N, C-alpha and C. Protein backbone atom coordinates (compact mmCIF):
# COMPACT_ATOMS: atom_id res chain seq x y z
N ILE A 1 0.74 -1.17 -0.05
CA ILE A 1 0.03 0.03 -0.06
C ILE A 1 0.85 1.34 0.03
N HIS A 2 2.05 1.28 0.73
CA HIS A 2 2.75 2.49 0.80
C HIS A 2 3.53 2.88 -0.45
N GLU A 3 3.78 1.76 -1.45
CA GLU A 3 4.28 1.99 -2.76
C GLU A 3 3.33 2.62 -3.48
N LYS A 4 2.12 2.26 -3.60
CA LYS A 4 0.97 2.79 -4.39
C LYS A 4 0.74 4.20 -3.87
N PHE A 5 0.76 4.43 -2.59
CA PHE A 5 0.65 5.88 -2.19
C PHE A 5 1.69 6.81 -2.76
N THR A 6 2.92 6.23 -2.62
CA THR A 6 4.04 7.14 -3.07
C THR A 6 3.92 7.39 -4.58
N PHE A 7 3.40 6.31 -5.29
CA PHE A 7 3.32 6.51 -6.81
C PHE A 7 2.17 7.62 -7.06
N ALA A 8 0.96 7.39 -6.36
CA ALA A 8 0.07 8.43 -6.63
C ALA A 8 0.31 9.86 -6.23
N GLU A 9 1.09 9.94 -5.06
CA GLU A 9 1.52 11.20 -4.67
C GLU A 9 2.58 11.80 -5.70
N ASP A 10 3.43 11.05 -6.17
CA ASP A 10 4.43 11.35 -7.35
C ASP A 10 3.72 11.74 -8.46
N PHE A 11 2.55 10.98 -8.79
CA PHE A 11 1.88 11.37 -10.13
C PHE A 11 1.24 12.68 -9.96
N GLN A 12 0.63 12.89 -8.77
CA GLN A 12 -0.12 14.18 -8.54
C GLN A 12 0.82 15.35 -8.65
N ASN A 13 2.13 15.28 -7.97
CA ASN A 13 3.10 16.29 -8.22
C ASN A 13 3.44 16.66 -9.57
N LEU A 14 3.64 15.45 -10.29
CA LEU A 14 3.95 15.61 -11.74
C LEU A 14 2.90 16.33 -12.46
N LEU A 15 1.63 15.91 -12.25
CA LEU A 15 0.42 16.37 -12.86
C LEU A 15 0.32 17.89 -12.58
N SER A 16 0.60 18.19 -11.35
CA SER A 16 0.38 19.68 -11.11
C SER A 16 1.28 20.53 -11.62
N LYS A 17 2.51 20.08 -11.69
CA LYS A 17 3.56 20.79 -12.14
C LYS A 17 3.46 21.14 -13.75
N LEU A 18 2.98 20.02 -14.32
CA LEU A 18 2.58 20.00 -15.76
C LEU A 18 1.55 21.16 -15.95
N ILE A 19 0.50 21.06 -15.21
CA ILE A 19 -0.64 21.90 -15.50
C ILE A 19 -0.23 23.49 -15.17
N ILE A 20 0.65 23.64 -14.08
CA ILE A 20 1.10 24.90 -13.77
C ILE A 20 2.01 25.59 -14.81
N SER A 21 2.75 24.55 -15.62
CA SER A 21 3.67 25.09 -16.55
C SER A 21 2.91 25.55 -17.74
N PHE A 22 1.60 25.46 -17.95
CA PHE A 22 0.91 25.98 -18.99
C PHE A 22 0.04 27.23 -18.61
N LEU A 23 0.04 27.63 -17.30
CA LEU A 23 -0.61 28.78 -16.80
C LEU A 23 0.18 30.14 -16.91
N PRO A 24 -0.44 31.18 -17.13
CA PRO A 24 0.42 32.57 -17.35
C PRO A 24 0.81 32.69 -15.66
N MET A 25 1.97 33.63 -15.63
CA MET A 25 2.46 33.89 -14.42
C MET A 25 1.36 34.82 -13.72
N CYS A 26 1.22 34.75 -12.39
CA CYS A 26 0.32 35.64 -11.79
C CYS A 26 1.24 36.74 -11.17
N ASN A 27 0.82 38.06 -11.34
CA ASN A 27 1.54 39.06 -10.69
C ASN A 27 0.51 39.86 -9.91
N TYR A 28 0.80 39.93 -8.66
CA TYR A 28 -0.23 40.62 -7.73
C TYR A 28 0.37 41.96 -7.60
N VAL A 29 -0.42 42.94 -7.94
CA VAL A 29 0.06 44.33 -7.89
C VAL A 29 -0.23 44.81 -6.30
N TYR A 30 1.15 45.08 -5.81
CA TYR A 30 1.03 45.51 -4.39
C TYR A 30 0.31 46.82 -4.19
N THR A 31 -0.18 46.87 -2.83
CA THR A 31 -0.78 48.31 -2.53
C THR A 31 0.37 49.25 -2.16
N ARG A 32 -0.10 50.42 -2.02
CA ARG A 32 0.83 51.54 -1.82
C ARG A 32 1.64 51.25 -0.44
N ASN A 33 1.22 50.34 0.36
CA ASN A 33 1.99 50.26 1.63
C ASN A 33 3.08 49.56 1.54
N GLU A 34 3.36 48.89 0.35
CA GLU A 34 4.62 48.11 0.12
C GLU A 34 5.71 48.92 -0.61
N ILE A 35 5.44 50.18 -0.73
CA ILE A 35 6.48 50.91 -1.61
C ILE A 35 7.77 51.15 -0.70
N GLN A 36 8.82 50.85 -1.35
CA GLN A 36 10.11 51.20 -0.90
C GLN A 36 10.79 52.31 -1.60
N THR A 37 11.24 53.30 -0.77
CA THR A 37 11.85 54.38 -1.48
C THR A 37 13.37 54.49 -1.12
N GLU A 38 13.76 53.58 -0.43
CA GLU A 38 15.27 53.30 0.00
C GLU A 38 15.58 51.97 0.01
N ILE A 39 16.20 51.61 -1.22
CA ILE A 39 16.36 50.21 -1.64
C ILE A 39 17.97 49.87 -1.22
N LYS A 40 18.14 49.08 -0.47
CA LYS A 40 19.30 48.62 0.00
C LYS A 40 20.03 47.90 -1.17
N ILE A 41 21.34 48.27 -1.33
CA ILE A 41 22.12 47.61 -2.48
C ILE A 41 23.11 46.71 -1.94
N SER A 42 22.71 45.49 -1.86
CA SER A 42 23.65 44.46 -1.35
C SER A 42 23.23 42.96 -1.87
N PRO A 43 24.23 42.17 -1.96
CA PRO A 43 23.89 40.76 -2.34
C PRO A 43 22.69 40.12 -1.63
N GLU A 44 22.71 40.46 -0.25
CA GLU A 44 21.63 39.85 0.49
C GLU A 44 20.29 40.42 0.11
N ASN A 45 20.30 41.54 -0.65
CA ASN A 45 18.93 42.01 -0.97
C ASN A 45 18.61 41.74 -2.43
N LYS A 46 19.44 41.05 -3.05
CA LYS A 46 19.15 40.91 -4.47
C LYS A 46 17.87 40.17 -4.89
N ASN A 47 17.17 39.65 -3.96
CA ASN A 47 15.85 39.02 -4.25
C ASN A 47 14.64 39.82 -3.77
N ASP A 48 15.08 40.95 -3.12
CA ASP A 48 13.94 42.01 -2.66
C ASP A 48 13.25 42.42 -3.93
N TYR A 49 11.86 42.51 -3.66
CA TYR A 49 10.99 42.78 -4.89
C TYR A 49 11.40 44.19 -5.46
N TRP A 50 11.53 45.32 -4.70
CA TRP A 50 11.73 46.56 -5.32
C TRP A 50 13.11 46.55 -5.92
N PHE A 51 14.12 45.90 -5.20
CA PHE A 51 15.48 45.93 -5.77
C PHE A 51 15.47 45.34 -7.13
N LYS A 52 14.65 44.21 -7.31
CA LYS A 52 14.62 43.59 -8.67
C LYS A 52 14.05 44.49 -9.67
N MET A 53 13.10 45.25 -9.32
CA MET A 53 12.29 46.08 -10.39
C MET A 53 13.37 47.29 -10.81
N PHE A 54 14.00 47.91 -9.81
CA PHE A 54 15.01 48.86 -10.08
C PHE A 54 16.17 48.60 -10.81
N ASN A 55 16.62 47.31 -10.34
CA ASN A 55 17.78 46.71 -11.02
C ASN A 55 17.29 46.43 -12.58
N SER A 56 16.09 46.07 -12.71
CA SER A 56 15.63 45.78 -14.32
C SER A 56 15.61 47.12 -14.90
N LEU A 57 15.17 48.12 -14.23
CA LEU A 57 15.17 49.54 -14.83
C LEU A 57 16.75 49.86 -15.22
N PHE A 58 17.47 49.66 -14.53
CA PHE A 58 18.95 50.09 -14.82
C PHE A 58 19.45 49.22 -15.85
N LEU A 59 19.15 47.80 -15.96
CA LEU A 59 19.62 46.92 -17.06
C LEU A 59 19.02 47.34 -18.37
N ILE A 60 17.76 47.91 -18.35
CA ILE A 60 16.97 48.31 -19.53
C ILE A 60 17.73 49.67 -20.02
N SER A 61 17.92 50.57 -19.23
CA SER A 61 18.22 51.81 -19.58
C SER A 61 19.72 52.10 -19.77
N VAL A 62 20.62 51.44 -19.03
CA VAL A 62 22.05 51.71 -19.04
C VAL A 62 22.78 50.56 -19.23
N LYS A 63 22.07 49.23 -19.23
CA LYS A 63 22.62 48.11 -19.57
C LYS A 63 23.71 47.71 -18.40
N LYS A 64 23.48 48.23 -17.27
CA LYS A 64 24.39 47.82 -16.17
C LYS A 64 23.51 47.53 -14.97
N SER A 65 23.96 46.66 -14.13
CA SER A 65 23.31 46.22 -12.95
C SER A 65 23.35 47.43 -11.78
N LEU A 66 22.39 47.40 -10.86
CA LEU A 66 22.33 48.34 -9.77
C LEU A 66 23.73 48.17 -9.00
N PHE A 67 24.08 46.95 -8.93
CA PHE A 67 25.39 46.48 -8.08
C PHE A 67 26.66 47.28 -8.84
N ASP A 68 26.70 47.25 -10.27
CA ASP A 68 27.74 47.85 -10.96
C ASP A 68 27.81 49.31 -10.72
N ILE A 69 26.62 49.86 -10.80
CA ILE A 69 26.60 51.36 -10.74
C ILE A 69 26.99 51.80 -9.31
N SER A 70 26.57 51.08 -8.39
CA SER A 70 26.90 51.51 -7.11
C SER A 70 28.23 51.35 -6.63
N LYS A 71 29.00 50.59 -7.40
CA LYS A 71 30.53 50.29 -7.16
C LYS A 71 31.25 51.45 -8.02
N GLU A 72 30.64 52.03 -9.02
CA GLU A 72 31.40 52.96 -9.77
C GLU A 72 31.91 54.25 -8.85
N THR A 73 33.25 54.33 -8.89
CA THR A 73 33.92 55.28 -8.13
C THR A 73 34.01 56.69 -8.61
N ASN A 74 33.79 56.79 -10.00
CA ASN A 74 33.74 58.07 -10.56
C ASN A 74 32.39 58.64 -10.60
N ILE A 75 32.28 59.69 -9.80
CA ILE A 75 30.97 60.30 -9.34
C ILE A 75 30.30 60.63 -10.57
N ASN A 76 30.94 61.29 -11.42
CA ASN A 76 30.37 61.74 -12.92
C ASN A 76 29.73 60.56 -13.72
N ILE A 77 30.48 59.51 -13.78
CA ILE A 77 29.96 58.51 -14.57
C ILE A 77 28.70 57.92 -13.78
N ARG A 78 28.83 57.61 -12.43
CA ARG A 78 27.71 57.29 -11.59
C ARG A 78 26.51 57.96 -11.83
N ASN A 79 26.81 59.36 -11.73
CA ASN A 79 25.55 60.23 -11.97
C ASN A 79 24.97 60.19 -13.30
N SER A 80 25.80 60.06 -14.25
CA SER A 80 25.34 59.78 -15.67
C SER A 80 24.38 58.60 -15.81
N TYR A 81 24.94 57.57 -15.29
CA TYR A 81 23.99 56.33 -15.19
C TYR A 81 22.63 56.65 -14.52
N LEU A 82 22.86 57.13 -13.38
CA LEU A 82 21.41 57.57 -12.62
C LEU A 82 20.60 58.53 -13.42
N GLU A 83 21.21 59.36 -14.13
CA GLU A 83 20.34 60.33 -14.94
C GLU A 83 19.58 59.66 -16.08
N GLN A 84 20.46 58.69 -16.62
CA GLN A 84 19.79 57.85 -17.72
C GLN A 84 18.67 57.05 -17.23
N ALA A 85 18.86 56.36 -16.10
CA ALA A 85 17.94 55.57 -15.63
C ALA A 85 16.58 56.45 -15.28
N GLU A 86 16.71 57.75 -14.68
CA GLU A 86 15.75 58.63 -14.28
C GLU A 86 15.03 59.01 -15.65
N ALA A 87 15.69 59.34 -16.73
CA ALA A 87 15.16 59.71 -18.03
C ALA A 87 14.18 58.58 -18.42
N THR A 88 14.65 57.42 -18.48
CA THR A 88 13.91 56.23 -18.87
C THR A 88 12.54 56.23 -17.96
N LEU A 89 12.72 56.16 -16.77
CA LEU A 89 11.57 55.99 -15.71
C LEU A 89 10.63 57.22 -15.92
N ASN A 90 11.18 58.36 -16.08
CA ASN A 90 10.31 59.52 -16.20
C ASN A 90 9.49 59.51 -17.53
N GLU A 91 10.14 59.12 -18.87
CA GLU A 91 9.37 58.98 -19.97
C GLU A 91 8.44 57.98 -19.91
N ASN A 92 8.68 56.84 -19.44
CA ASN A 92 7.80 55.77 -19.41
C ASN A 92 6.58 56.09 -18.41
N PHE A 93 6.95 56.75 -17.45
CA PHE A 93 5.73 56.97 -16.41
C PHE A 93 4.90 58.11 -16.90
N MET A 94 5.63 59.24 -17.62
CA MET A 94 4.82 60.15 -18.28
C MET A 94 3.87 59.68 -19.40
N LYS A 95 4.54 58.76 -20.32
CA LYS A 95 3.73 58.27 -21.27
C LYS A 95 2.64 57.52 -20.89
N ALA A 96 2.66 56.51 -19.87
CA ALA A 96 1.64 55.81 -19.25
C ALA A 96 0.59 56.71 -18.67
N TRP A 97 0.97 57.71 -18.03
CA TRP A 97 0.07 58.76 -17.37
C TRP A 97 -0.74 59.59 -18.54
N ASN A 98 -0.04 59.87 -19.45
CA ASN A 98 -0.77 60.61 -20.55
C ASN A 98 -1.67 59.71 -21.34
N ASP A 99 -1.37 58.50 -21.38
CA ASP A 99 -2.20 57.58 -22.05
C ASP A 99 -3.53 57.29 -21.25
N LEU A 100 -3.54 57.73 -20.03
CA LEU A 100 -4.79 57.68 -19.33
C LEU A 100 -5.67 59.09 -19.67
N GLY A 101 -4.86 59.99 -20.13
CA GLY A 101 -5.69 61.30 -20.59
C GLY A 101 -6.09 62.02 -19.40
N ILE A 102 -5.57 61.92 -18.23
CA ILE A 102 -6.28 62.51 -17.04
C ILE A 102 -5.67 63.86 -16.84
N ASP A 103 -4.56 64.08 -16.73
CA ASP A 103 -3.92 65.63 -16.57
C ASP A 103 -2.42 65.65 -17.10
N GLU A 104 -2.36 65.88 -18.44
CA GLU A 104 -0.97 65.79 -18.96
C GLU A 104 0.00 66.85 -18.24
N LYS A 105 -0.42 67.83 -17.70
CA LYS A 105 0.51 68.93 -17.25
C LYS A 105 0.95 68.44 -15.91
N PHE A 106 0.04 67.55 -15.10
CA PHE A 106 0.56 67.04 -13.84
C PHE A 106 1.74 66.18 -14.07
N ALA A 107 1.76 65.22 -15.06
CA ALA A 107 2.79 64.28 -15.32
C ALA A 107 4.12 65.10 -15.83
N GLU A 108 3.78 66.25 -16.33
CA GLU A 108 5.03 67.00 -16.94
C GLU A 108 5.71 67.68 -15.82
N SER A 109 5.00 67.90 -14.70
CA SER A 109 5.51 68.71 -13.56
C SER A 109 6.22 67.73 -12.56
N LEU A 110 6.09 66.52 -12.83
CA LEU A 110 6.85 65.47 -11.84
C LEU A 110 8.08 64.99 -12.59
N GLN A 111 8.97 64.72 -11.78
CA GLN A 111 10.34 64.03 -12.32
C GLN A 111 10.74 63.15 -11.07
N PHE A 112 11.07 61.83 -11.50
CA PHE A 112 11.60 60.93 -10.40
C PHE A 112 13.20 61.34 -10.31
N LYS A 113 13.63 61.28 -9.14
CA LYS A 113 14.97 61.52 -8.91
C LYS A 113 15.62 60.29 -8.25
N LEU A 114 16.67 59.74 -8.79
CA LEU A 114 17.43 58.55 -8.16
C LEU A 114 18.83 59.06 -7.77
N THR A 115 19.04 58.72 -6.43
CA THR A 115 20.39 58.84 -6.07
C THR A 115 20.91 57.69 -5.05
N ILE A 116 22.23 57.49 -5.16
CA ILE A 116 22.77 56.54 -4.26
C ILE A 116 23.48 57.13 -3.24
N GLN A 117 23.10 56.71 -1.93
CA GLN A 117 23.68 57.11 -0.80
C GLN A 117 24.76 56.20 -0.35
N ASP A 118 25.82 56.63 0.00
CA ASP A 118 27.16 55.83 0.49
C ASP A 118 27.22 55.96 1.96
N ASN A 119 26.39 55.25 2.74
CA ASN A 119 26.51 55.29 4.13
C ASN A 119 27.19 53.90 4.58
N THR A 120 26.96 53.48 5.60
CA THR A 120 27.66 52.17 5.98
C THR A 120 27.06 51.06 5.02
N THR A 121 25.79 51.19 4.61
CA THR A 121 25.26 50.35 3.49
C THR A 121 24.81 51.16 2.31
N LYS A 122 25.15 50.80 1.11
CA LYS A 122 24.67 51.70 0.12
C LYS A 122 23.29 51.38 -0.21
N GLN A 123 22.58 52.56 -0.64
CA GLN A 123 21.12 52.39 -1.04
C GLN A 123 20.70 53.36 -2.13
N LEU A 124 19.77 52.84 -2.93
CA LEU A 124 19.27 53.77 -3.90
C LEU A 124 18.02 54.37 -3.17
N CYS A 125 17.98 55.76 -3.40
CA CYS A 125 16.81 56.61 -2.90
C CYS A 125 16.09 57.11 -4.09
N VAL A 126 14.77 56.94 -3.93
CA VAL A 126 13.83 57.46 -4.93
C VAL A 126 12.90 58.60 -4.35
N THR A 127 12.93 59.70 -4.98
CA THR A 127 12.06 60.76 -4.65
C THR A 127 11.42 61.36 -5.95
N ILE A 128 10.62 62.30 -5.65
CA ILE A 128 9.90 62.85 -6.81
C ILE A 128 10.18 64.44 -6.51
N ASN A 129 10.64 65.13 -7.71
CA ASN A 129 10.76 66.43 -7.86
C ASN A 129 9.53 66.98 -8.52
N GLU A 130 8.92 67.99 -7.81
CA GLU A 130 7.63 68.57 -8.53
C GLU A 130 7.88 70.02 -8.65
N LYS A 131 7.61 70.45 -9.95
CA LYS A 131 7.65 71.84 -10.34
C LYS A 131 6.20 72.51 -9.82
N ILE A 132 6.38 73.30 -8.64
CA ILE A 132 5.34 73.92 -8.02
C ILE A 132 5.15 75.34 -8.88
N LYS A 133 3.96 75.71 -9.24
CA LYS A 133 3.59 76.95 -9.79
C LYS A 133 4.09 78.01 -8.97
N GLY A 134 4.83 79.01 -9.44
CA GLY A 134 5.23 80.25 -8.73
C GLY A 134 6.52 79.93 -7.73
N ALA A 135 7.03 78.74 -7.68
CA ALA A 135 8.22 78.47 -6.87
C ALA A 135 9.32 78.62 -7.75
N SER A 136 10.50 78.99 -7.09
CA SER A 136 11.71 79.35 -7.79
C SER A 136 12.35 77.86 -8.23
N SER A 137 12.16 76.89 -7.32
CA SER A 137 12.99 75.59 -7.60
C SER A 137 11.94 74.45 -7.41
N PRO A 138 12.13 73.29 -7.97
CA PRO A 138 11.25 72.13 -7.70
C PRO A 138 11.39 71.73 -6.20
N ARG A 139 10.31 71.14 -5.73
CA ARG A 139 10.42 70.54 -4.29
C ARG A 139 10.52 69.09 -4.39
N ASN A 140 11.15 68.56 -3.50
CA ASN A 140 11.30 67.15 -3.25
C ASN A 140 10.15 66.48 -2.46
N PHE A 141 9.73 65.40 -2.89
CA PHE A 141 8.68 64.68 -2.17
C PHE A 141 8.98 63.22 -2.18
N ASP A 142 8.75 62.57 -0.93
CA ASP A 142 8.81 61.11 -0.80
C ASP A 142 7.60 60.70 -1.46
N ILE A 143 7.60 59.64 -2.32
CA ILE A 143 6.50 59.01 -3.01
C ILE A 143 5.44 58.63 -1.87
N LYS A 144 5.83 58.21 -0.70
CA LYS A 144 4.76 57.77 0.30
C LYS A 144 3.81 58.99 0.83
N ILE A 145 4.23 60.19 0.60
CA ILE A 145 3.33 61.10 0.92
C ILE A 145 2.38 61.72 -0.16
N ARG A 146 2.65 61.23 -1.30
CA ARG A 146 1.72 61.47 -2.42
C ARG A 146 0.25 60.98 -2.20
N SER A 147 -0.64 61.12 -2.99
CA SER A 147 -2.05 60.74 -2.74
C SER A 147 -2.04 59.22 -3.02
N ASP A 148 -3.06 58.60 -2.32
CA ASP A 148 -3.22 57.13 -2.43
C ASP A 148 -3.18 56.58 -3.80
N GLY A 149 -4.03 57.44 -4.60
CA GLY A 149 -4.11 57.04 -6.03
C GLY A 149 -2.83 56.99 -6.76
N PHE A 150 -2.00 58.08 -6.44
CA PHE A 150 -0.72 58.20 -7.25
C PHE A 150 0.15 57.11 -6.77
N GLN A 151 0.15 56.71 -5.39
CA GLN A 151 0.85 55.55 -5.02
C GLN A 151 0.63 54.25 -5.65
N TRP A 152 -0.76 54.04 -5.68
CA TRP A 152 -1.12 52.78 -6.37
C TRP A 152 -0.70 52.69 -7.77
N TYR A 153 -0.93 53.88 -8.49
CA TYR A 153 -0.55 53.93 -9.92
C TYR A 153 0.94 53.59 -10.01
N TYR A 154 1.72 54.29 -9.23
CA TYR A 154 3.20 54.15 -9.30
C TYR A 154 3.54 52.75 -9.10
N CYS A 155 3.00 52.03 -8.29
CA CYS A 155 3.28 50.53 -7.95
C CYS A 155 2.77 49.67 -9.28
N PHE A 156 1.66 50.03 -9.69
CA PHE A 156 1.16 49.46 -10.98
C PHE A 156 2.18 49.53 -12.23
N ILE A 157 2.60 50.78 -12.36
CA ILE A 157 3.59 51.11 -13.62
C ILE A 157 4.77 50.47 -13.32
N MET A 158 5.36 50.58 -12.11
CA MET A 158 6.66 49.94 -11.68
C MET A 158 6.58 48.27 -12.11
N GLN A 159 5.51 47.82 -11.62
CA GLN A 159 5.40 46.22 -11.72
C GLN A 159 5.14 45.97 -13.26
N LEU A 160 4.34 46.81 -13.92
CA LEU A 160 4.18 46.48 -15.28
C LEU A 160 5.23 46.52 -16.08
N LEU A 161 5.99 47.58 -15.91
CA LEU A 161 7.13 47.73 -16.85
C LEU A 161 8.56 47.20 -16.44
N TYR A 162 8.71 47.00 -15.03
CA TYR A 162 10.19 46.76 -14.70
C TYR A 162 10.21 45.53 -13.76
N ASN A 163 9.15 44.86 -13.74
CA ASN A 163 9.17 43.50 -12.98
C ASN A 163 9.88 42.32 -13.85
N PRO A 164 11.15 42.06 -13.40
CA PRO A 164 11.86 41.09 -14.26
C PRO A 164 11.22 39.63 -14.29
N ASP A 165 10.46 39.34 -13.15
CA ASP A 165 9.76 37.97 -13.24
C ASP A 165 8.83 37.92 -14.32
N THR A 166 8.15 39.02 -14.93
CA THR A 166 7.14 38.99 -15.88
C THR A 166 7.80 38.83 -17.43
N LYS A 167 9.00 39.19 -17.36
CA LYS A 167 9.80 39.06 -18.68
C LYS A 167 10.19 37.60 -18.92
N GLU A 168 10.15 36.76 -17.92
CA GLU A 168 10.86 35.46 -17.96
C GLU A 168 9.75 34.40 -18.34
N THR A 169 8.55 34.76 -18.60
CA THR A 169 7.48 33.78 -18.83
C THR A 169 7.06 33.75 -20.37
N SER A 170 6.88 32.49 -20.82
CA SER A 170 6.37 32.50 -22.08
C SER A 170 4.89 32.33 -22.34
N ASN A 171 4.17 32.15 -21.29
CA ASN A 171 2.74 31.97 -21.11
C ASN A 171 1.83 33.13 -20.83
N GLY A 172 2.62 34.32 -20.90
CA GLY A 172 1.76 35.68 -20.56
C GLY A 172 1.93 35.96 -18.98
N VAL A 173 1.26 36.91 -18.65
CA VAL A 173 1.20 37.33 -17.34
C VAL A 173 -0.32 37.85 -16.99
N LEU A 174 -0.67 37.26 -15.91
CA LEU A 174 -2.02 37.72 -15.41
C LEU A 174 -1.85 38.65 -14.22
N PHE A 175 -2.32 39.79 -14.45
CA PHE A 175 -2.12 40.97 -13.23
C PHE A 175 -3.37 40.82 -12.34
N LEU A 176 -3.22 40.57 -11.05
CA LEU A 176 -4.14 40.55 -10.11
C LEU A 176 -4.09 42.00 -9.45
N LEU A 177 -5.19 42.82 -9.66
CA LEU A 177 -5.08 44.09 -9.05
C LEU A 177 -5.91 44.28 -7.81
N ASP A 178 -5.22 44.58 -6.73
CA ASP A 178 -5.82 44.77 -5.45
C ASP A 178 -6.69 45.91 -5.28
N GLU A 179 -8.00 46.03 -5.55
CA GLU A 179 -8.86 47.18 -5.40
C GLU A 179 -8.32 48.31 -6.19
N PRO A 180 -8.05 48.31 -7.44
CA PRO A 180 -7.42 49.32 -8.17
C PRO A 180 -8.27 50.66 -8.23
N GLY A 181 -9.49 50.59 -8.13
CA GLY A 181 -10.22 51.90 -8.26
C GLY A 181 -10.41 52.51 -6.86
N MET A 182 -10.19 51.89 -5.91
CA MET A 182 -10.33 52.41 -4.57
C MET A 182 -9.77 53.71 -4.34
N TYR A 183 -8.56 53.98 -4.86
CA TYR A 183 -7.90 55.34 -4.67
C TYR A 183 -7.98 56.30 -5.77
N LEU A 184 -8.50 55.91 -6.93
CA LEU A 184 -8.53 56.68 -8.13
C LEU A 184 -9.85 57.49 -8.21
N ASN A 185 -9.86 58.75 -8.82
CA ASN A 185 -10.94 59.48 -9.04
C ASN A 185 -11.84 58.81 -10.00
N PRO A 186 -13.16 59.10 -10.17
CA PRO A 186 -13.94 58.44 -11.04
C PRO A 186 -13.43 58.35 -12.55
N TYR A 187 -12.85 59.45 -13.18
CA TYR A 187 -12.32 59.43 -14.42
C TYR A 187 -11.13 58.35 -14.47
N GLY A 188 -10.38 58.44 -13.51
CA GLY A 188 -9.34 57.37 -13.63
C GLY A 188 -9.80 56.02 -13.43
N GLN A 189 -10.93 55.94 -12.66
CA GLN A 189 -11.38 54.39 -12.71
C GLN A 189 -11.95 54.01 -14.08
N THR A 190 -12.52 54.97 -14.61
CA THR A 190 -13.03 54.70 -15.98
C THR A 190 -11.84 54.42 -17.01
N CYS A 191 -10.92 55.16 -16.97
CA CYS A 191 -9.65 54.90 -17.83
C CYS A 191 -9.03 53.61 -17.61
N LEU A 192 -8.91 53.16 -16.13
CA LEU A 192 -8.39 51.86 -15.89
C LEU A 192 -9.04 50.57 -16.48
N LEU A 193 -10.42 50.70 -16.48
CA LEU A 193 -11.33 49.80 -17.03
C LEU A 193 -11.04 49.63 -18.61
N LYS A 194 -10.68 50.65 -19.18
CA LYS A 194 -10.34 50.54 -20.56
C LYS A 194 -9.06 49.68 -20.96
């Protein structure tokens, strides 16, 4: 009886793996509470979700990993890489925002800013520079203090464009959205449905 049970269990495992291999990857779009704006750059952190997304951004925009960029000793070269990644992020975010047709001027007033802090541990810091009407210079904001709708949309765009796990599947990706319209205004909800 024990041998039959082992065979049945092995068959179930094999059949389960076969079925799963034909399914699309499921990507759960995290809520705003999961946003990280200070991403530790270390080998121990290489599997962190936000590290992987920003590493993907750098691999796409400058063809170098976040590890390589953080090790760059020439500040001018490092800043050049950071600016290229910022430009890619800003361009893609602005395009996605404008595709919604909500408020094009809002997207143009925002710029993501990426910096690397060299403290005891290196970390990538992500902030937003916003051009405020009448102000002489842009103001820096932490993404976590932006509106709930903006935070949700930021998470969605980051996962849609820079999640490396979604690039490695041949069966497509199924996005599971956690209450997507909860934080969006009615027009934003309508656009999201499209």
